């Protein structure tokens, strides 16, 4: 559910209320006055690409190194197991 900011004309209190788009609160939660809430303008959050570009390019390098090291270990283990002979069970 989206959140909306409201300000009461009677008690001047601002409040954030979660409700559906079709619904509208009628009563102030602070002073309980009916019909005194005015919807305030809210700024939407927009994710920009500049946030992604500012990330450190070395992030993930350590993970990549571990993957490569373990890939070599796995290949060695596979070669060792291929050399062994197994009896059918």
PDB file of N, CA and C in Angstrom:
ATOM      1  N   UNK A   1       0.839  -1.180   0.000  1.00  0.00           N
ATOM      2  CA  UNK A   1       0.000   0.000   0.000  1.00  0.00           C
ATOM      3  C   UNK A   1       0.882   1.241   0.000  1.00  0.00           C
ATOM      4  N   UNK A   2       0.478   2.244  -0.746  1.00  0.00           N
ATOM      5  CA  UNK A   2       1.254   3.484  -0.757  1.00  0.00           C
ATOM      6  C   UNK A   2       1.069   4.267   0.538  1.00  0.00           C
ATOM      7  N   UNK A   3       2.029   5.100   0.814  1.00  0.00           N
ATOM      8  CA  UNK A   3       1.920   5.955   1.995  1.00  0.00           C
ATOM      9  C   UNK A   3       1.690   7.392   1.543  1.00  0.00           C
ATOM     10  N   UNK A   4       0.919   8.099   2.326  1.00  0.00           N
ATOM     11  CA  UNK A   4       0.568   9.476   2.001  1.00  0.00           C
ATOM     12  C   UNK A   4       0.781  10.345   3.231  1.00  0.00           C
ATOM     13  N   UNK A   5       1.174  11.586   2.990  1.00  0.00           N
ATOM     14  CA  UNK A   5       1.351  12.549   4.078  1.00  0.00           C
ATOM     15  C   UNK A   5       0.118  13.437   4.142  1.00  0.00           C
ATOM     16  N   UNK A   6      -0.355  13.641   5.346  1.00  0.00           N
ATOM     17  CA  UNK A   6      -1.513  14.499   5.585  1.00  0.00           C
ATOM     18  C   UNK A   6      -1.177  15.490   6.683  1.00  0.00           C
ATOM     19  N   UNK A   7      -1.860  16.645   6.633  1.00  0.00           N
ATOM     20  CA  UNK A   7      -1.729  17.646   7.688  1.00  0.00           C
ATOM     21  C   UNK A   7      -3.132  18.023   8.142  1.00  0.00           C
ATOM     22  N   UNK A   8      -3.317  18.045   9.439  1.00  0.00           N
ATOM     23  CA  UNK A   8      -4.619  18.372  10.003  1.00  0.00           C
ATOM     24  C   UNK A   8      -4.750  19.891  10.115  1.00  0.00           C
ATOM     25  N   UNK A   9      -5.883  20.428   9.665  1.00  0.00           N
ATOM     26  CA  UNK A   9      -6.135  21.873   9.754  1.00  0.00           C
ATOM     27  C   UNK A   9      -6.411  22.314  11.183  1.00  0.00           C
ATOM     28  N   UNK A  10      -6.860  21.412  12.017  1.00  0.00           N
ATOM     29  CA  UNK A  10      -7.217  21.768  13.394  1.00  0.00           C
ATOM     30  C   UNK A  10      -6.001  21.755  14.320  1.00  0.00           C
ATOM     31  N   UNK A  11      -5.286  20.635  14.353  1.00  0.00           N
ATOM     32  CA  UNK A  11      -4.165  20.505  15.296  1.00  0.00           C
ATOM     33  C   UNK A  11      -2.805  20.754  14.653  1.00  0.00           C
ATOM     34  N   UNK A  12      -2.768  20.974  13.331  1.00  0.00           N
ATOM     35  CA  UNK A  12      -1.530  21.279  12.594  1.00  0.00           C
ATOM     36  C   UNK A  12      -0.503  20.140  12.625  1.00  0.00           C
ATOM     37  N   UNK A  13      -0.925  18.950  12.964  1.00  0.00           N
ATOM     38  CA  UNK A  13      -0.016  17.815  13.024  1.00  0.00           C
ATOM     39  C   UNK A  13       0.095  17.151  11.658  1.00  0.00           C
ATOM     40  N   UNK A  14       1.329  16.832  11.279  1.00  0.00           N
ATOM     41  CA  UNK A  14       1.560  16.081  10.049  1.00  0.00           C
ATOM     42  C   UNK A  14       1.618  14.603  10.406  1.00  0.00           C
ATOM     43  N   UNK A  15       1.112  13.771   9.508  1.00  0.00           N
ATOM     44  CA  UNK A  15       1.114  12.337   9.753  1.00  0.00           C
ATOM     45  C   UNK A  15       1.224  11.583   8.440  1.00  0.00           C
ATOM     46  N   UNK A  16       1.800  10.414   8.524  1.00  0.00           N
ATOM     47  CA  UNK A  16       1.928   9.537   7.360  1.00  0.00           C
ATOM     48  C   UNK A  16       0.934   8.401   7.546  1.00  0.00           C
ATOM     49  N   UNK A  17       0.094   8.211   6.531  1.00  0.00           N
ATOM     50  CA  UNK A  17      -0.948   7.190   6.603  1.00  0.00           C
ATOM     51  C   UNK A  17      -0.824   6.278   5.392  1.00  0.00           C
ATOM     52  N   UNK A  18      -0.851   4.973   5.633  1.00  0.00           N
ATOM     53  CA  UNK A  18      -0.827   3.981   4.562  1.00  0.00           C
ATOM     54  C   UNK A  18      -2.262   3.608   4.213  1.00  0.00           C
ATOM     55  N   UNK A  19      -2.615   3.720   2.943  1.00  0.00           N
ATOM     56  CA  UNK A  19      -3.950   3.315   2.507  1.00  0.00           C
ATOM     57  C   UNK A  19      -3.956   3.112   1.007  1.00  0.00           C
ATOM     58  N   UNK A  20      -5.016   2.471   0.511  1.00  0.00           N
ATOM     59  CA  UNK A  20      -5.155   2.238  -0.922  1.00  0.00           C
ATOM     60  C   UNK A  20      -5.420   3.553  -1.638  1.00  0.00           C
ATOM     61  N   UNK A  21      -5.173   3.565  -2.942  1.00  0.00           N
ATOM     62  CA  UNK A  21      -5.386   4.772  -3.738  1.00  0.00           C
ATOM     63  C   UNK A  21      -6.845   5.196  -3.697  1.00  0.00           C
ATOM     64  N   UNK A  22      -7.754   4.224  -3.726  1.00  0.00           N
ATOM     65  CA  UNK A  22      -9.186   4.538  -3.757  1.00  0.00           C
ATOM     66  C   UNK A  22      -9.689   5.078  -2.423  1.00  0.00           C
ATOM     67  N   UNK A  23      -8.981   4.791  -1.352  1.00  0.00           N
ATOM     68  CA  UNK A  23      -9.426   5.202  -0.023  1.00  0.00           C
ATOM     69  C   UNK A  23      -8.867   6.574   0.333  1.00  0.00           C
ATOM     70  N   UNK A  24      -9.540   7.238   1.244  1.00  0.00           N
ATOM     71  CA  UNK A  24      -9.049   8.509   1.773  1.00  0.00           C
ATOM     72  C   UNK A  24      -9.417   8.575   3.248  1.00  0.00           C
ATOM     73  N   UNK A  25      -8.452   8.869   4.115  1.00  0.00           N
ATOM     74  CA  UNK A  25      -8.778   8.949   5.539  1.00  0.00           C
ATOM     75  C   UNK A  25      -9.671  10.167   5.805  1.00  0.00           C
ATOM     76  N   UNK A  26     -10.580  10.030   6.740  1.00  0.00           N
ATOM     77  CA  UNK A  26     -11.498  11.130   7.043  1.00  0.00           C
ATOM     78  C   UNK A  26     -11.255  11.715   8.424  1.00  0.00           C
ATOM     79  N   UNK A  27     -10.599  10.968   9.297  1.00  0.00           N
ATOM     80  CA  UNK A  27     -10.433  11.405  10.681  1.00  0.00           C
ATOM     81  C   UNK A  27      -8.960  11.548  11.033  1.00  0.00           C
ATOM     82  N   UNK A  28      -8.618  12.647  11.700  1.00  0.00           N
ATOM     83  CA  UNK A  28      -7.251  12.875  12.168  1.00  0.00           C
ATOM     84  C   UNK A  28      -6.958  11.892  13.295  1.00  0.00           C
ATOM     85  N   UNK A  29      -5.814  11.237  13.223  1.00  0.00           N
ATOM     86  CA  UNK A  29      -5.463  10.261  14.254  1.00  0.00           C
ATOM     87  C   UNK A  29      -4.988  10.933  15.540  1.00  0.00           C
ATOM     88  N   UNK A  30      -4.656  12.225  15.481  1.00  0.00           N
ATOM     89  CA  UNK A  30      -4.169  12.944  16.671  1.00  0.00           C
ATOM     90  C   UNK A  30      -5.318  13.579  17.452  1.00  0.00           C
ATOM     91  N   UNK A  31      -6.132  14.389  16.762  1.00  0.00           N
ATOM     92  CA  UNK A  31      -7.207  15.110  17.458  1.00  0.00           C
ATOM     93  C   UNK A  31      -8.588  14.528  17.183  1.00  0.00           C
ATOM     94  N   UNK A  32      -8.684  13.524  16.341  1.00  0.00           N
ATOM     95  CA  UNK A  32      -9.926  12.825  15.961  1.00  0.00           C
ATOM     96  C   UNK A  32     -10.963  13.725  15.293  1.00  0.00           C
ATOM     97  N   UNK A  33     -10.538  14.841  14.750  1.00  0.00           N
ATOM     98  CA  UNK A  33     -11.450  15.732  14.026  1.00  0.00           C
ATOM     99  C   UNK A  33     -11.740  15.121  12.658  1.00  0.00           C
ATOM    100  N   UNK A  34     -12.993  15.065  12.264  1.00  0.00           N
ATOM    101  CA  UNK A  34     -13.412  14.476  10.996  1.00  0.00           C
ATOM    102  C   UNK A  34     -13.383  15.545   9.910  1.00  0.00           C
ATOM    103  N   UNK A  35     -12.805  15.195   8.753  1.00  0.00           N
ATOM    104  CA  UNK A  35     -12.784  16.085   7.593  1.00  0.00           C
ATOM    105  C   UNK A  35     -11.760  17.199   7.661  1.00  0.00           C
ATOM    106  N   UNK A  36     -10.769  17.097   8.530  1.00  0.00           N
ATOM    107  CA  UNK A  36      -9.787  18.166   8.682  1.00  0.00           C
ATOM    108  C   UNK A  36      -8.434  17.831   8.060  1.00  0.00           C
ATOM    109  N   UNK A  37      -8.324  16.691   7.397  1.00  0.00           N
ATOM    110  CA  UNK A  37      -7.036  16.291   6.835  1.00  0.00           C
ATOM    111  C   UNK A  37      -6.866  16.809   5.416  1.00  0.00           C
ATOM    112  N   UNK A  38      -5.710  17.412   5.163  1.00  0.00           N
ATOM    113  CA  UNK A  38      -5.344  17.854   3.822  1.00  0.00           C
ATOM    114  C   UNK A  38      -4.160  17.021   3.359  1.00  0.00           C
ATOM    115  N   UNK A  39      -4.263  16.502   2.152  1.00  0.00           N
ATOM    116  CA  UNK A  39      -3.186  15.691   1.591  1.00  0.00           C
ATOM    117  C   UNK A  39      -2.042  16.618   1.194  1.00  0.00           C
ATOM    118  N   UNK A  40      -0.818  16.231   1.562  1.00  0.00           N
ATOM    119  CA  UNK A  40       0.366  17.032   1.249  1.00  0.00           C
ATOM    120  C   UNK A  40       1.088  16.425   0.055  1.00  0.00           C
ATOM    121  N   UNK A  41       1.842  17.240  -0.618  1.00  0.00           N
ATOM    122  CA  UNK A  41       2.628  16.784  -1.754  1.00  0.00           C
ATOM    123  C   UNK A  41       3.811  15.968  -1.249  1.00  0.00           C
ATOM    124  N   UNK A  42       4.015  14.800  -1.817  1.00  0.00           N
ATOM    125  CA  UNK A  42       5.149  13.961  -1.441  1.00  0.00           C
ATOM    126  C   UNK A  42       6.064  13.782  -2.641  1.00  0.00           C
ATOM    127  N   UNK A  43       7.329  13.670  -2.363  1.00  0.00           N
ATOM    128  CA  UNK A  43       8.318  13.499  -3.415  1.00  0.00           C
ATOM    129  C   UNK A  43       8.540  12.013  -3.649  1.00  0.00           C
ATOM    130  N   UNK A  44       8.379  11.537  -4.865  1.00  0.00           N
ATOM    131  CA  UNK A  44       8.610  10.116  -5.134  1.00  0.00           C
ATOM    132  C   UNK A  44      10.103   9.802  -5.146  1.00  0.00           C
ATOM    133  N   UNK A  45      10.439   8.566  -4.834  1.00  0.00           N
ATOM    134  CA  UNK A  45      11.823   8.111  -4.883  1.00  0.00           C
ATOM    135  C   UNK A  45      12.116   7.582  -6.276  1.00  0.00           C
ATOM    136  N   UNK A  46      13.155   8.128  -6.899  1.00  0.00           N
ATOM    137  CA  UNK A  46      13.549   7.683  -8.230  1.00  0.00           C
ATOM    138  C   UNK A  46      15.006   7.259  -8.161  1.00  0.00           C
ATOM    139  N   UNK A  47      15.259   6.017  -8.530  1.00  0.00           N
ATOM    140  CA  UNK A  47      16.627   5.512  -8.525  1.00  0.00           C
ATOM    141  C   UNK A  47      17.305   5.940  -9.816  1.00  0.00           C
ATOM    142  N   UNK A  48      18.435   6.594  -9.657  1.00  0.00           N
ATOM    143  CA  UNK A  48      19.145   7.054 -10.847  1.00  0.00           C
ATOM    144  C   UNK A  48      20.308   6.121 -11.157  1.00  0.00           C
ATOM    145  N   UNK A  49      20.736   6.154 -12.381  1.00  0.00           N
ATOM    146  CA  UNK A  49      21.853   5.299 -12.803  1.00  0.00           C
ATOM    147  C   UNK A  49      23.162   5.770 -12.194  1.00  0.00           C
ATOM    148  N   UNK A  50      23.254   7.023 -11.797  1.00  0.00           N
ATOM    149  CA  UNK A  50      24.501   7.541 -11.246  1.00  0.00           C
ATOM    150  C   UNK A  50      24.883   6.811  -9.962  1.00  0.00           C
ATOM    151  N   UNK A  51      23.902   6.305  -9.214  1.00  0.00           N
ATOM    152  CA  UNK A  51      24.210   5.547  -8.006  1.00  0.00           C
ATOM    153  C   UNK A  51      24.959   4.268  -8.350  1.00  0.00           C
ATOM    154  N   UNK A  52      24.575   3.617  -9.429  1.00  0.00           N
ATOM    155  CA  UNK A  52      25.237   2.385  -9.842  1.00  0.00           C
ATOM    156  C   UNK A  52      26.641   2.671 -10.367  1.00  0.00           C
ATOM    157  N   UNK A  53      26.806   3.796 -11.030  1.00  0.00           N
ATOM    158  CA  UNK A  53      28.103   4.124 -11.611  1.00  0.00           C
ATOM    159  C   UNK A  53      29.124   4.497 -10.550  1.00  0.00           C
ATOM    160  N   UNK A  54      28.664   4.964  -9.376  1.00  0.00           N
ATOM    161  CA  UNK A  54      29.571   5.385  -8.322  1.00  0.00           C
ATOM    162  C   UNK A  54      30.119   4.217  -7.513  1.00  0.00           C
ATOM    163  N   UNK A  55      29.613   3.017  -7.726  1.00  0.00           N
ATOM    164  CA  UNK A  55      30.076   1.869  -6.961  1.00  0.00           C
ATOM    165  C   UNK A  55      31.527   1.549  -7.300  1.00  0.00           C
ATOM    166  N   UNK A  56      32.208   0.986  -6.322  1.00  0.00           N
ATOM    167  CA  UNK A  56      33.601   0.597  -6.478  1.00  0.00           C
ATOM    168  C   UNK A  56      33.707  -0.504  -7.530  1.00  0.00           C
ATOM    169  N   UNK A  57      34.552  -0.324  -8.544  1.00  0.00           N
ATOM    170  CA  UNK A  57      34.679  -1.351  -9.589  1.00  0.00           C
ATOM    171  C   UNK A  57      35.313  -2.645  -9.074  1.00  0.00           C
ATOM    172  N   UNK A  58      35.950  -2.609  -7.895  1.00  0.00           N
ATOM    173  CA  UNK A  58      36.598  -3.796  -7.346  1.00  0.00           C
ATOM    174  C   UNK A  58      35.638  -4.687  -6.565  1.00  0.00           C
ATOM    175  N   UNK A  59      34.387  -4.241  -6.417  1.00  0.00           N
ATOM    176  CA  UNK A  59      33.414  -5.059  -5.705  1.00  0.00           C
ATOM    177  C   UNK A  59      33.201  -6.350  -6.490  1.00  0.00           C
ATOM    178  N   UNK A  60      33.312  -7.468  -5.829  1.00  0.00           N
ATOM    179  CA  UNK A  60      33.129  -8.760  -6.481  1.00  0.00           C
ATOM    180  C   UNK A  60      34.430  -9.384  -6.952  1.00  0.00           C
ATOM    181  N   UNK A  61      35.520  -8.656  -6.902  1.00  0.00           N
ATOM    182  CA  UNK A  61      36.807  -9.186  -7.349  1.00  0.00           C
ATOM    183  C   UNK A  61      37.235 -10.364  -6.483  1.00  0.00           C
ATOM    184  N   UNK A  62      37.074 -10.229  -5.176  1.00  0.00           N
ATOM    185  CA  UNK A  62      37.460 -11.296  -4.258  1.00  0.00           C
ATOM    186  C   UNK A  62      36.626 -12.553  -4.511  1.00  0.00           C
ATOM    187  N   UNK A  63      35.339 -12.371  -4.735  1.00  0.00           N
ATOM    188  CA  UNK A  63      34.466 -13.508  -5.026  1.00  0.00           C
ATOM    189  C   UNK A  63      34.908 -14.202  -6.305  1.00  0.00           C
ATOM    190  N   UNK A  64      35.232 -13.426  -7.318  1.00  0.00           N
ATOM    191  CA  UNK A  64      35.695 -13.993  -8.587  1.00  0.00           C
ATOM    192  C   UNK A  64      36.988 -14.787  -8.379  1.00  0.00           C
ATOM    193  N   UNK A  65      37.894 -14.267  -7.551  1.00  0.00           N
ATOM    194  CA  UNK A  65      39.147 -14.970  -7.283  1.00  0.00           C
ATOM    195  C   UNK A  65      38.881 -16.313  -6.593  1.00  0.00           C
ATOM    196  N   UNK A  66      37.977 -16.337  -5.628  1.00  0.00           N
ATOM    197  CA  UNK A  66      37.639 -17.583  -4.937  1.00  0.00           C
ATOM    198  C   UNK A  66      37.009 -18.588  -5.896  1.00  0.00           C
ATOM    199  N   UNK A  67      36.161 -18.122  -6.777  1.00  0.00           N
ATOM    200  CA  UNK A  67      35.530 -19.023  -7.752  1.00  0.00           C
ATOM    201  C   UNK A  67      36.588 -19.665  -8.635  1.00  0.00           C
ATOM    202  N   UNK A  68      37.528 -18.877  -9.129  1.00  0.00           N
ATOM    203  CA  UNK A  68      38.589 -19.404  -9.988  1.00  0.00           C
ATOM    204  C   UNK A  68      39.470 -20.394  -9.230  1.00  0.00           C
ATOM    205  N   UNK A  69      39.812 -20.075  -7.975  1.00  0.00           N
ATOM    206  CA  UNK A  69      40.652 -20.971  -7.176  1.00  0.00           C
ATOM    207  C   UNK A  69      39.933 -22.296  -6.933  1.00  0.00           C
ATOM    208  N   UNK A  70      38.666 -22.248  -6.620  1.00  0.00           N
ATOM    209  CA  UNK A  70      37.911 -23.476  -6.369  1.00  0.00           C
ATOM    210  C   UNK A  70      37.655 -24.256  -7.650  1.00  0.00           C
ATOM    211  N   UNK A  71      37.588 -23.580  -8.773  1.00  0.00           N
ATOM    212  CA  UNK A  71      37.435 -24.266 -10.055  1.00  0.00           C
ATOM    213  C   UNK A  71      38.660 -25.149 -10.312  1.00  0.00           C
ATOM    214  N   UNK A  72      39.851 -24.626 -10.014  1.00  0.00           N
ATOM    215  CA  UNK A  72      41.077 -25.409 -10.188  1.00  0.00           C
ATOM    216  C   UNK A  72      41.092 -26.617  -9.246  1.00  0.00           C
ATOM    217  N   UNK A  73      40.684 -26.408  -8.009  1.00  0.00           N
ATOM    218  CA  UNK A  73      40.637 -27.506  -7.036  1.00  0.00           C
ATOM    219  C   UNK A  73      39.668 -28.581  -7.509  1.00  0.00           C
ATOM    220  N   UNK A  74      38.521 -28.181  -8.009  1.00  0.00           N
ATOM    221  CA  UNK A  74      37.520 -29.130  -8.491  1.00  0.00           C
ATOM    222  C   UNK A  74      38.054 -29.942  -9.675  1.00  0.00           C
ATOM    223  N   UNK A  75      38.759 -29.298 -10.592  1.00  0.00           N
ATOM    224  CA  UNK A  75      39.331 -30.015 -11.736  1.00  0.00           C
ATOM    225  C   UNK A  75      40.330 -31.066 -11.271  1.00  0.00           C
ATOM    226  N   UNK A  76      41.164 -30.719 -10.298  1.00  0.00           N
ATOM    227  CA  UNK A  76      42.146 -31.665  -9.776  1.00  0.00           C
ATOM    228  C   UNK A  76      41.454 -32.862  -9.131  1.00  0.00           C
ATOM    229  N   UNK A  77      40.405 -32.591  -8.357  1.00  0.00           N
ATOM    230  CA  UNK A  77      39.673 -33.680  -7.714  1.00  0.00           C
ATOM    231  C   UNK A  77      39.005 -34.581  -8.751  1.00  0.00           C
ATOM    232  N   UNK A  78      38.465 -33.999  -9.804  1.00  0.00           N
ATOM    233  CA  UNK A  78      37.829 -34.799 -10.851  1.00  0.00           C
ATOM    234  C   UNK A  78      38.852 -35.695 -11.543  1.00  0.00           C
ATOM    235  N   UNK A  79      40.044 -35.168 -11.818  1.00  0.00           N
ATOM    236  CA  UNK A  79      41.089 -35.961 -12.465  1.00  0.00           C
ATOM    237  C   UNK A  79      41.527 -37.116 -11.575  1.00  0.00           C
ATOM    238  N   UNK A  80      41.664 -36.860 -10.274  1.00  0.00           N
ATOM    239  CA  UNK A  80      42.059 -37.913  -9.342  1.00  0.00           C
ATOM    240  C   UNK A  80      41.004 -39.015  -9.290  1.00  0.00           C
ATOM    241  N   UNK A  81      39.744 -38.626  -9.284  1.00  0.00           N
ATOM    242  CA  UNK A  81      38.668 -39.614  -9.211  1.00  0.00           C
ATOM    243  C   UNK A  81      38.557 -40.424 -10.498  1.00  0.00           C
ATOM    244  N   UNK A  82      38.893 -39.837 -11.635  1.00  0.00           N
ATOM    245  CA  UNK A  82      38.856 -40.566 -12.904  1.00  0.00           C
ATOM    246  C   UNK A  82      39.932 -41.647 -12.939  1.00  0.00           C
ATOM    247  N   UNK A  83      41.046 -41.408 -12.272  1.00  0.00           N
ATOM    248  CA  UNK A  83      42.155 -42.356 -12.274  1.00  0.00           C
ATOM    249  C   UNK A  83      41.865 -43.573 -11.397  1.00  0.00           C
ATOM    250  N   UNK A  84      40.999 -43.412 -10.410  1.00  0.00           N
ATOM    251  CA  UNK A  84      40.683 -44.524  -9.510  1.00  0.00           C
ATOM    252  C   UNK A  84      39.760 -45.507 -10.210  1.00  0.00           C
ATOM    253  N   UNK A  85      39.904 -46.756  -9.825  1.00  0.00           N
ATOM    254  CA  UNK A  85      38.999 -47.770 -10.374  1.00  0.00           C
ATOM    255  C   UNK A  85      37.997 -48.155  -9.286  1.00  0.00           C
ATOM    256  N   UNK A  86      36.796 -48.310  -9.714  1.00  0.00           N
ATOM    257  CA  UNK A  86      35.719 -48.625  -8.786  1.00  0.00           C
ATOM    258  C   UNK A  86      35.095 -49.957  -9.176  1.00  0.00           C
ATOM    259  N   UNK A  87      34.689 -50.696  -8.176  1.00  0.00           N
ATOM    260  CA  UNK A  87      34.002 -51.955  -8.427  1.00  0.00           C
ATOM    261  C   UNK A  87      32.507 -51.689  -8.401  1.00  0.00           C
ATOM    262  N   UNK A  88      31.787 -52.299  -9.318  1.00  0.00           N
ATOM    263  CA  UNK A  88      30.340 -52.090  -9.320  1.00  0.00           C
ATOM    264  C   UNK A  88      29.715 -52.627  -8.044  1.00  0.00           C
ATOM    265  N   UNK A  89      28.701 -51.998  -7.588  1.00  0.00           N
ATOM    266  CA  UNK A  89      28.047 -52.435  -6.346  1.00  0.00           C
ATOM    267  C   UNK A  89      26.833 -53.271  -6.613  1.00  0.00           C
TER     268      UNK A  89
END
